[in-house]
Amino acid sequence: MGVHQQLKYTAKTRWFSKNFDIEGNISIDGEKKCIIAFNKDQWEGPIEKKRLVCRYFTTMEETMDSKAKGGNFKGGIELSITHSLIQSYEIKHPAPVFYAQIPGVKVLIRFVRGWRFWGTRWTFPLLPEQKGDKLQMILAKGVVGPGRNYKLYIGKKLIGRVDGKPIKKEYEIEIYDEDYAKDKTFGRYMILFGLTCEFMDDAKKIVKRLFKKMKSTGTSDYIPPKSEMDLFRNPRMMRR
């Protein structure tokens, strides 16, 4: 997509940053529904200035009255290098941490890489939204072999999968459980985890390089940007 198309998204929503590039799309049941954009130049820049913010939006379409339809922010992920270093120090292995945000959902959940002797594992929570809901944990276990494939479990129950083809930059998502498939918030989290899959390896390389320097000293030269420090703010101390 050209610059004109990107400007239309920028004009439609504040969530589409001026430094975003449109780099992909999301199809549901074979129909293109959304576009994917992220800060490509900043992500591919020097390590001390790297920052990743990736978001997806409904596809914009021209209408008969020349007003664009769509362009709505649906969700996004952000790599927190600071939280990644903390998690890495805890498990003694490079462990990227991504924050996931969905409009209308007040909480920020984290996709966290854990330690697994053979293969990879990530976890993220499903936090109670309504009275009677319970805290649940999603375990994404990497399938050993080519590609970037994950099976997602709640306890021992297999509820979904992500089938990744990194060379083609394609990720197929399937939710097996009927109840979770109907849950729109869970569906968005699955999409965001699929987006995260594309950046997992590069994020691990960045965190590994920074973690190596602090492994023995417990001290890092990495200077967290304000955007990451804000994630540590105590909500009880914020002025209303």
C-alpha atoms as a PDB file:
ATOM      1  CA  MET A   1       0.000   0.000   0.000  1.00  0.00           C
ATOM      2  CA  GLY A   2       1.183   3.510  -0.788  1.00  0.00           C
ATOM      3  CA  VAL A   3       1.729   6.607   1.279  1.00  0.00           C
ATOM      4  CA  HIS A   4      -1.760   7.884   0.460  1.00  0.00           C
ATOM      5  CA  GLN A   5      -3.350   4.803   2.011  1.00  0.00           C
ATOM      6  CA  GLN A   6      -1.230   5.142   5.156  1.00  0.00           C
ATOM      7  CA  LEU A   7      -2.206   8.803   5.492  1.00  0.00           C
ATOM      8  CA  LYS A   8      -5.867   7.810   5.410  1.00  0.00           C
ATOM      9  CA  TYR A   9      -5.358   5.492   8.367  1.00  0.00           C
ATOM     10  CA  THR A  10      -3.376   8.179  10.217  1.00  0.00           C
ATOM     11  CA  ALA A  11      -6.222  10.644   9.701  1.00  0.00           C
ATOM     12  CA  LYS A  12      -8.832   8.118  10.839  1.00  0.00           C
ATOM     13  CA  THR A  13      -7.323   7.015  14.157  1.00  0.00           C
ATOM     14  CA  ARG A  14      -4.631   8.194  16.561  1.00  0.00           C
ATOM     15  CA  TRP A  15      -3.584   4.573  17.019  1.00  0.00           C
ATOM     16  CA  PHE A  16      -2.056   4.538  13.532  1.00  0.00           C
ATOM     17  CA  SER A  17       1.277   6.307  14.094  1.00  0.00           C
ATOM     18  CA  LYS A  18       2.977   8.412  11.447  1.00  0.00           C
ATOM     19  CA  ASN A  19       5.993   6.087  11.513  1.00  0.00           C
ATOM     20  CA  PHE A  20       3.919   2.981  10.764  1.00  0.00           C
ATOM     21  CA  ASP A  21       4.291   0.924   7.599  1.00  0.00           C
ATOM     22  CA  ILE A  22       1.492  -1.349   6.419  1.00  0.00           C
ATOM     23  CA  GLU A  23       3.113  -4.760   6.142  1.00  0.00           C
ATOM     24  CA  GLY A  24       0.368  -7.360   5.983  1.00  0.00           C
ATOM     25  CA  ASN A  25      -3.279  -8.274   6.305  1.00  0.00           C
ATOM     26  CA  ILE A  26      -5.564 -10.591   8.224  1.00  0.00           C
ATOM     27  CA  SER A  27      -8.122 -12.806   6.515  1.00  0.00           C
ATOM     28  CA  ILE A  28     -10.958 -14.568   8.323  1.00  0.00           C
ATOM     29  CA  ASP A  29     -12.573 -17.490   6.515  1.00  0.00           C
ATOM     30  CA  GLY A  30     -10.803 -16.413   3.326  1.00  0.00           C
ATOM     31  CA  GLU A  31     -12.027 -12.804   3.425  1.00  0.00           C
ATOM     32  CA  LYS A  32      -9.615  -9.939   4.025  1.00  0.00           C
ATOM     33  CA  LYS A  33     -10.739  -8.117   7.162  1.00  0.00           C
ATOM     34  CA  CYS A  34      -7.800  -6.160   8.602  1.00  0.00           C
ATOM     35  CA  ILE A  35      -4.395  -4.680   7.829  1.00  0.00           C
ATOM     36  CA  ILE A  36      -1.243  -5.010   9.951  1.00  0.00           C
ATOM     37  CA  ALA A  37       1.121  -2.083  10.538  1.00  0.00           C
ATOM     38  CA  PHE A  38       4.209  -1.498  12.660  1.00  0.00           C
ATOM     39  CA  ASN A  39       7.135   0.899  13.141  1.00  0.00           C
ATOM     40  CA  LYS A  40       9.415  -0.882  10.670  1.00  0.00           C
ATOM     41  CA  ASP A  41      12.254   1.680  10.500  1.00  0.00           C
ATOM     42  CA  GLN A  42      12.525   1.927  14.275  1.00  0.00           C
ATOM     43  CA  TRP A  43      12.440  -1.843  14.668  1.00  0.00           C
ATOM     44  CA  GLU A  44      15.182  -2.340  12.102  1.00  0.00           C
ATOM     45  CA  GLY A  45      17.353   0.463  13.552  1.00  0.00           C
ATOM     46  CA  PRO A  46      20.311   0.254  15.992  1.00  0.00           C
ATOM     47  CA  ILE A  47      19.798  -1.940  19.048  1.00  0.00           C
ATOM     48  CA  GLU A  48      19.897   0.923  21.549  1.00  0.00           C
ATOM     49  CA  LYS A  49      16.992   2.608  19.739  1.00  0.00           C
ATOM     50  CA  LYS A  50      14.950  -0.450  18.835  1.00  0.00           C
ATOM     51  CA  ARG A  51      11.281  -0.357  19.700  1.00  0.00           C
ATOM     52  CA  LEU A  52       8.458  -2.510  18.420  1.00  0.00           C
ATOM     53  CA  VAL A  53       4.817  -1.493  18.251  1.00  0.00           C
ATOM     54  CA  CYS A  54       2.588  -3.564  15.953  1.00  0.00           C
ATOM     55  CA  ARG A  55      -1.162  -2.985  15.577  1.00  0.00           C
ATOM     56  CA  TYR A  56      -3.982  -4.140  13.366  1.00  0.00           C
ATOM     57  CA  PHE A  57      -6.933  -2.207  11.992  1.00  0.00           C
ATOM     58  CA  THR A  58     -10.084  -2.958  10.033  1.00  0.00           C
ATOM     59  CA  THR A  59      -9.562  -2.542   6.287  1.00  0.00           C
ATOM     60  CA  MET A  60     -10.608   0.862   4.942  1.00  0.00           C
ATOM     61  CA  GLU A  61     -13.035   0.924   2.032  1.00  0.00           C
ATOM     62  CA  GLU A  62     -14.300   3.834  -0.039  1.00  0.00           C
ATOM     63  CA  THR A  63     -18.072   4.394   0.006  1.00  0.00           C
ATOM     64  CA  MET A  64     -20.391   6.097  -2.496  1.00  0.00           C
ATOM     65  CA  ASP A  65     -20.230   9.379  -0.572  1.00  0.00           C
ATOM     66  CA  SER A  66     -16.379   9.276  -0.676  1.00  0.00           C
ATOM     67  CA  LYS A  67     -16.160   8.688   3.063  1.00  0.00           C
ATOM     68  CA  ALA A  68     -13.811   5.902   4.057  1.00  0.00           C
ATOM     69  CA  LYS A  69     -15.340   3.038   6.006  1.00  0.00           C
ATOM     70  CA  GLY A  70     -13.237   1.051   8.467  1.00  0.00           C
ATOM     71  CA  GLY A  71      -9.774   1.903   9.753  1.00  0.00           C
ATOM     72  CA  ASN A  72     -10.694   1.047  13.341  1.00  0.00           C
ATOM     73  CA  PHE A  73      -8.018  -0.041  15.819  1.00  0.00           C
ATOM     74  CA  LYS A  74      -8.581  -3.652  16.904  1.00  0.00           C
ATOM     75  CA  GLY A  75      -5.501  -4.489  18.985  1.00  0.00           C
ATOM     76  CA  GLY A  76      -1.738  -4.319  19.219  1.00  0.00           C
ATOM     77  CA  ILE A  77       1.449  -5.686  20.750  1.00  0.00           C
ATOM     78  CA  GLU A  78       4.492  -3.917  22.124  1.00  0.00           C
ATOM     79  CA  LEU A  79       7.856  -5.408  23.063  1.00  0.00           C
ATOM     80  CA  SER A  80       9.074  -4.309  26.495  1.00  0.00           C
ATOM     81  CA  ILE A  81      12.824  -4.819  26.581  1.00  0.00           C
ATOM     82  CA  THR A  82      12.903  -3.795  30.248  1.00  0.00           C
ATOM     83  CA  HIS A  83      10.391  -6.443  31.279  1.00  0.00           C
ATOM     84  CA  SER A  84      12.218  -8.900  29.025  1.00  0.00           C
ATOM     85  CA  LEU A  85      15.476  -8.344  30.897  1.00  0.00           C
ATOM     86  CA  ILE A  86      13.710  -8.815  34.228  1.00  0.00           C
ATOM     87  CA  GLN A  87      12.125 -12.067  33.042  1.00  0.00           C
ATOM     88  CA  SER A  88      15.457 -13.225  31.573  1.00  0.00           C
ATOM     89  CA  TYR A  89      17.236 -12.616  34.869  1.00  0.00           C
ATOM     90  CA  GLU A  90      14.522 -14.589  36.658  1.00  0.00           C
ATOM     91  CA  ILE A  91      14.714 -17.729  34.480  1.00  0.00           C
ATOM     92  CA  LYS A  92      18.404 -17.305  33.490  1.00  0.00           C
ATOM     93  CA  HIS A  93      17.625 -17.473  29.773  1.00  0.00           C
ATOM     94  CA  PRO A  94      16.683 -14.825  27.158  1.00  0.00           C
ATOM     95  CA  ALA A  95      12.956 -14.275  27.572  1.00  0.00           C
ATOM     96  CA  PRO A  96      11.153 -11.618  25.536  1.00  0.00           C
ATOM     97  CA  VAL A  97       7.985 -10.087  26.981  1.00  0.00           C
ATOM     98  CA  PHE A  98       5.299  -8.537  24.786  1.00  0.00           C
ATOM     99  CA  TYR A  99       2.340  -6.494  26.018  1.00  0.00           C
ATOM    100  CA  ALA A 100      -1.015  -7.005  24.324  1.00  0.00           C
ATOM    101  CA  GLN A 101      -3.644  -4.284  24.150  1.00  0.00           C
ATOM    102  CA  ILE A 102      -7.248  -4.463  23.000  1.00  0.00           C
ATOM    103  CA  PRO A 103      -9.477  -1.367  22.844  1.00  0.00           C
ATOM    104  CA  GLY A 104     -12.221  -1.489  25.445  1.00  0.00           C
ATOM    105  CA  VAL A 105     -10.269  -3.914  27.650  1.00  0.00           C
ATOM    106  CA  LYS A 106      -8.845  -2.090  30.666  1.00  0.00           C
ATOM    107  CA  VAL A 107      -6.049  -4.535  31.452  1.00  0.00           C
ATOM    108  CA  LEU A 108      -2.792  -5.200  29.632  1.00  0.00           C
ATOM    109  CA  ILE A 109      -1.810  -8.842  29.425  1.00  0.00           C
ATOM    110  CA  ARG A 110       1.694 -10.082  28.700  1.00  0.00           C
ATOM    111  CA  PHE A 111       2.934 -12.757  26.327  1.00  0.00           C
ATOM    112  CA  VAL A 112       5.914 -14.134  28.260  1.00  0.00           C
ATOM    113  CA  ARG A 113       8.533 -16.583  27.057  1.00  0.00           C
ATOM    114  CA  GLY A 114       9.367 -19.237  29.616  1.00  0.00           C
ATOM    115  CA  TRP A 115      12.014 -21.936  29.806  1.00  0.00           C
ATOM    116  CA  ARG A 116      11.657 -25.328  28.181  1.00  0.00           C
ATOM    117  CA  PHE A 117      14.521 -27.790  27.803  1.00  0.00           C
ATOM    118  CA  TRP A 118      13.405 -28.861  24.332  1.00  0.00           C
ATOM    119  CA  GLY A 119      11.388 -26.456  22.214  1.00  0.00           C
ATOM    120  CA  THR A 120       9.772 -23.205  23.313  1.00  0.00           C
ATOM    121  CA  ARG A 121       6.941 -22.188  25.583  1.00  0.00           C
ATOM    122  CA  TRP A 122       4.995 -18.989  26.086  1.00  0.00           C
ATOM    123  CA  THR A 123       2.257 -18.138  28.536  1.00  0.00           C
ATOM    124  CA  PHE A 124      -0.389 -15.463  28.894  1.00  0.00           C
ATOM    125  CA  PRO A 125      -3.346 -15.019  31.250  1.00  0.00           C
ATOM    126  CA  LEU A 126      -7.056 -14.731  30.668  1.00  0.00           C
ATOM    127  CA  LEU A 127      -8.106 -12.328  33.389  1.00  0.00           C
ATOM    128  CA  PRO A 128     -11.644 -12.242  34.852  1.00  0.00           C
ATOM    129  CA  GLU A 129     -13.809  -9.749  32.970  1.00  0.00           C
ATOM    130  CA  GLN A 130     -17.200 -10.388  34.540  1.00  0.00           C
ATOM    131  CA  LYS A 131     -18.528 -11.650  37.846  1.00  0.00           C
ATOM    132  CA  GLY A 132     -18.038 -15.385  38.049  1.00  0.00           C
ATOM    133  CA  ASP A 133     -15.078 -15.465  35.648  1.00  0.00           C
ATOM    134  CA  LYS A 134     -11.923 -17.208  36.825  1.00  0.00           C
ATOM    135  CA  LEU A 135      -8.254 -16.561  36.205  1.00  0.00           C
ATOM    136  CA  GLN A 136      -6.919 -18.901  33.537  1.00  0.00           C
ATOM    137  CA  MET A 137      -3.481 -19.403  32.032  1.00  0.00           C
ATOM    138  CA  ILE A 138      -2.797 -20.192  28.394  1.00  0.00           C
ATOM    139  CA  LEU A 139       0.254 -22.326  27.685  1.00  0.00           C
ATOM    140  CA  ALA A 140       1.583 -22.144  24.128  1.00  0.00           C
ATOM    141  CA  LYS A 141       3.945 -25.037  23.497  1.00  0.00           C
ATOM    142  CA  GLY A 142       6.152 -24.838  20.442  1.00  0.00           C
ATOM    143  CA  VAL A 143       5.996 -27.833  18.135  1.00  0.00           C
ATOM    144  CA  VAL A 144       9.516 -29.132  17.540  1.00  0.00           C
ATOM    145  CA  GLY A 145      10.355 -28.941  13.838  1.00  0.00           C
ATOM    146  CA  PRO A 146      10.449 -26.450  10.966  1.00  0.00           C
ATOM    147  CA  GLY A 147       8.207 -23.405  11.055  1.00  0.00           C
ATOM    148  CA  ARG A 148       6.915 -21.533  14.078  1.00  0.00           C
ATOM    149  CA  ASN A 149       4.040 -23.662  15.249  1.00  0.00           C
ATOM    150  CA  TYR A 150       2.297 -23.622  18.611  1.00  0.00           C
ATOM    151  CA  LYS A 151      -0.371 -25.676  20.331  1.00  0.00           C
ATOM    152  CA  LEU A 152      -2.307 -23.734  22.956  1.00  0.00           C
ATOM    153  CA  TYR A 153      -3.600 -25.350  26.123  1.00  0.00           C
ATOM    154  CA  ILE A 154      -5.638 -24.474  29.189  1.00  0.00           C
ATOM    155  CA  GLY A 155      -4.509 -27.091  31.657  1.00  0.00           C
ATOM    156  CA  LYS A 156      -4.332 -30.291  29.628  1.00  0.00           C
ATOM    157  CA  LYS A 157      -7.057 -29.237  27.199  1.00  0.00           C
ATOM    158  CA  LEU A 158      -5.934 -28.324  23.674  1.00  0.00           C
ATOM    159  CA  ILE A 159      -7.948 -25.273  22.635  1.00  0.00           C
ATOM    160  CA  GLY A 160      -6.155 -23.903  19.581  1.00  0.00           C
ATOM    161  CA  ARG A 161      -3.107 -23.724  17.387  1.00  0.00           C
ATOM    162  CA  VAL A 162      -0.914 -21.315  15.446  1.00  0.00           C
ATOM    163  CA  ASP A 163       0.669 -22.742  12.308  1.00  0.00           C
ATOM    164  CA  GLY A 164       3.493 -20.444  11.237  1.00  0.00           C
ATOM    165  CA  LYS A 165       5.402 -20.218   7.963  1.00  0.00           C
ATOM    166  CA  PRO A 166       8.040 -17.532   8.756  1.00  0.00           C
ATOM    167  CA  ILE A 167       9.576 -17.536   5.264  1.00  0.00           C
ATOM    168  CA  LYS A 168       6.227 -16.589   3.746  1.00  0.00           C
ATOM    169  CA  LYS A 169       5.341 -14.555   6.855  1.00  0.00           C
ATOM    170  CA  GLU A 170       2.040 -16.379   7.077  1.00  0.00           C
ATOM    171  CA  TYR A 171       0.359 -17.606  10.242  1.00  0.00           C
ATOM    172  CA  GLU A 172      -2.795 -19.675  10.336  1.00  0.00           C
ATOM    173  CA  ILE A 173      -4.823 -19.583  13.552  1.00  0.00           C
ATOM    174  CA  GLU A 174      -7.465 -22.094  14.553  1.00  0.00           C
ATOM    175  CA  ILE A 175      -9.532 -22.264  17.737  1.00  0.00           C
ATOM    176  CA  TYR A 176     -10.834 -25.751  18.495  1.00  0.00           C
ATOM    177  CA  ASP A 177     -13.044 -25.036  21.497  1.00  0.00           C
ATOM    178  CA  GLU A 178     -16.474 -23.743  20.479  1.00  0.00           C
ATOM    179  CA  ASP A 179     -16.955 -21.493  23.526  1.00  0.00           C
ATOM    180  CA  TYR A 180     -13.573 -19.810  23.119  1.00  0.00           C
ATOM    181  CA  ALA A 181     -14.130 -19.481  19.382  1.00  0.00           C
ATOM    182  CA  LYS A 182     -17.235 -17.389  20.135  1.00  0.00           C
ATOM    183  CA  ASP A 183     -15.348 -15.174  22.595  1.00  0.00           C
ATOM    184  CA  LYS A 184     -14.331 -12.071  20.603  1.00  0.00           C
ATOM    185  CA  THR A 185     -11.732 -10.961  23.159  1.00  0.00           C
ATOM    186  CA  PHE A 186     -10.058 -14.369  23.130  1.00  0.00           C
ATOM    187  CA  GLY A 187     -10.100 -14.324  19.331  1.00  0.00           C
ATOM    188  CA  ARG A 188      -8.264 -11.005  19.349  1.00  0.00           C
ATOM    189  CA  TYR A 189      -5.699 -12.324  21.805  1.00  0.00           C
ATOM    190  CA  MET A 190      -5.085 -15.244  19.453  1.00  0.00           C
ATOM    191  CA  ILE A 191      -4.540 -12.819  16.566  1.00  0.00           C
ATOM    192  CA  LEU A 192      -2.133 -10.780  18.693  1.00  0.00           C
ATOM    193  CA  PHE A 193      -0.224 -13.914  19.673  1.00  0.00           C
ATOM    194  CA  GLY A 194      -0.001 -14.757  15.977  1.00  0.00           C
ATOM    195  CA  LEU A 195       1.464 -11.293  15.324  1.00  0.00           C
ATOM    196  CA  THR A 196       3.933 -11.873  18.155  1.00  0.00           C
ATOM    197  CA  CYS A 197       5.146 -15.073  16.487  1.00  0.00           C
ATOM    198  CA  GLU A 198       6.573 -13.031  13.598  1.00  0.00           C
ATOM    199  CA  PHE A 199       8.849 -11.067  15.939  1.00  0.00           C
ATOM    200  CA  MET A 200       9.804 -13.747  18.472  1.00  0.00           C
ATOM    201  CA  ASP A 201      13.187 -14.740  17.061  1.00  0.00           C
ATOM    202  CA  ASP A 202      14.469 -11.201  16.469  1.00  0.00           C
ATOM    203  CA  ALA A 203      13.240 -10.137  19.903  1.00  0.00           C
ATOM    204  CA  LYS A 204      15.093 -13.043  21.495  1.00  0.00           C
ATOM    205  CA  LYS A 205      18.336 -12.036  19.749  1.00  0.00           C
ATOM    206  CA  ILE A 206      18.033  -8.480  21.088  1.00  0.00           C
ATOM    207  CA  VAL A 207      17.250  -9.614  24.626  1.00  0.00           C
ATOM    208  CA  LYS A 208      20.008 -12.254  24.538  1.00  0.00           C
ATOM    209  CA  ARG A 209      22.620  -9.655  23.605  1.00  0.00           C
ATOM    210  CA  LEU A 210      21.536  -7.248  26.347  1.00  0.00           C
ATOM    211  CA  PHE A 211      21.050  -9.974  28.951  1.00  0.00           C
ATOM    212  CA  LYS A 212      24.530 -11.398  28.350  1.00  0.00           C
ATOM    213  CA  LYS A 213      26.059  -8.124  29.552  1.00  0.00           C
ATOM    214  CA  MET A 214      24.077  -8.108  32.810  1.00  0.00           C
ATOM    215  CA  LYS A 215      24.080 -11.829  33.575  1.00  0.00           C
ATOM    216  CA  SER A 216      27.002 -11.732  36.022  1.00  0.00           C
ATOM    217  CA  THR A 217      26.620  -8.181  37.329  1.00  0.00           C
ATOM    218  CA  GLY A 218      22.856  -7.850  37.657  1.00  0.00           C
ATOM    219  CA  THR A 219      23.213  -4.424  36.055  1.00  0.00           C
ATOM    220  CA  SER A 220      22.236  -3.354  32.539  1.00  0.00           C
ATOM    221  CA  ASP A 221      23.346  -0.385  30.456  1.00  0.00           C
ATOM    222  CA  TYR A 222      19.994  -0.428  28.686  1.00  0.00           C
ATOM    223  CA  ILE A 223      18.124   2.839  29.237  1.00  0.00           C
ATOM    224  CA  PRO A 224      14.359   2.193  29.286  1.00  0.00           C
ATOM    225  CA  PRO A 225      12.345   4.718  27.271  1.00  0.00           C
ATOM    226  CA  LYS A 226       9.407   6.488  28.878  1.00  0.00           C
ATOM    227  CA  SER A 227       6.994   4.263  26.988  1.00  0.00           C
ATOM    228  CA  GLU A 228       8.365   1.246  28.875  1.00  0.00           C
ATOM    229  CA  MET A 229       8.688   2.981  32.235  1.00  0.00           C
ATOM    230  CA  ASP A 230       5.014   3.936  32.034  1.00  0.00           C
ATOM    231  CA  LEU A 231       4.197   0.219  32.154  1.00  0.00           C
ATOM    232  CA  PHE A 232       5.647   0.128  35.689  1.00  0.00           C
ATOM    233  CA  ARG A 233       3.551   3.010  36.994  1.00  0.00           C
ATOM    234  CA  ASN A 234       1.555   2.332  40.132  1.00  0.00           C
ATOM    235  CA  PRO A 235      -2.127   2.921  39.217  1.00  0.00           C
ATOM    236  CA  ARG A 236      -2.948   3.604  42.878  1.00  0.00           C
ATOM    237  CA  MET A 237      -0.577   6.554  42.872  1.00  0.00           C
ATOM    238  CA  MET A 238      -1.806   8.085  39.615  1.00  0.00           C
ATOM    239  CA  ARG A 239      -3.734  11.328  39.850  1.00  0.00           C
ATOM    240  CA  ARG A 240      -7.295  11.037  38.686  1.00  0.00           C
END
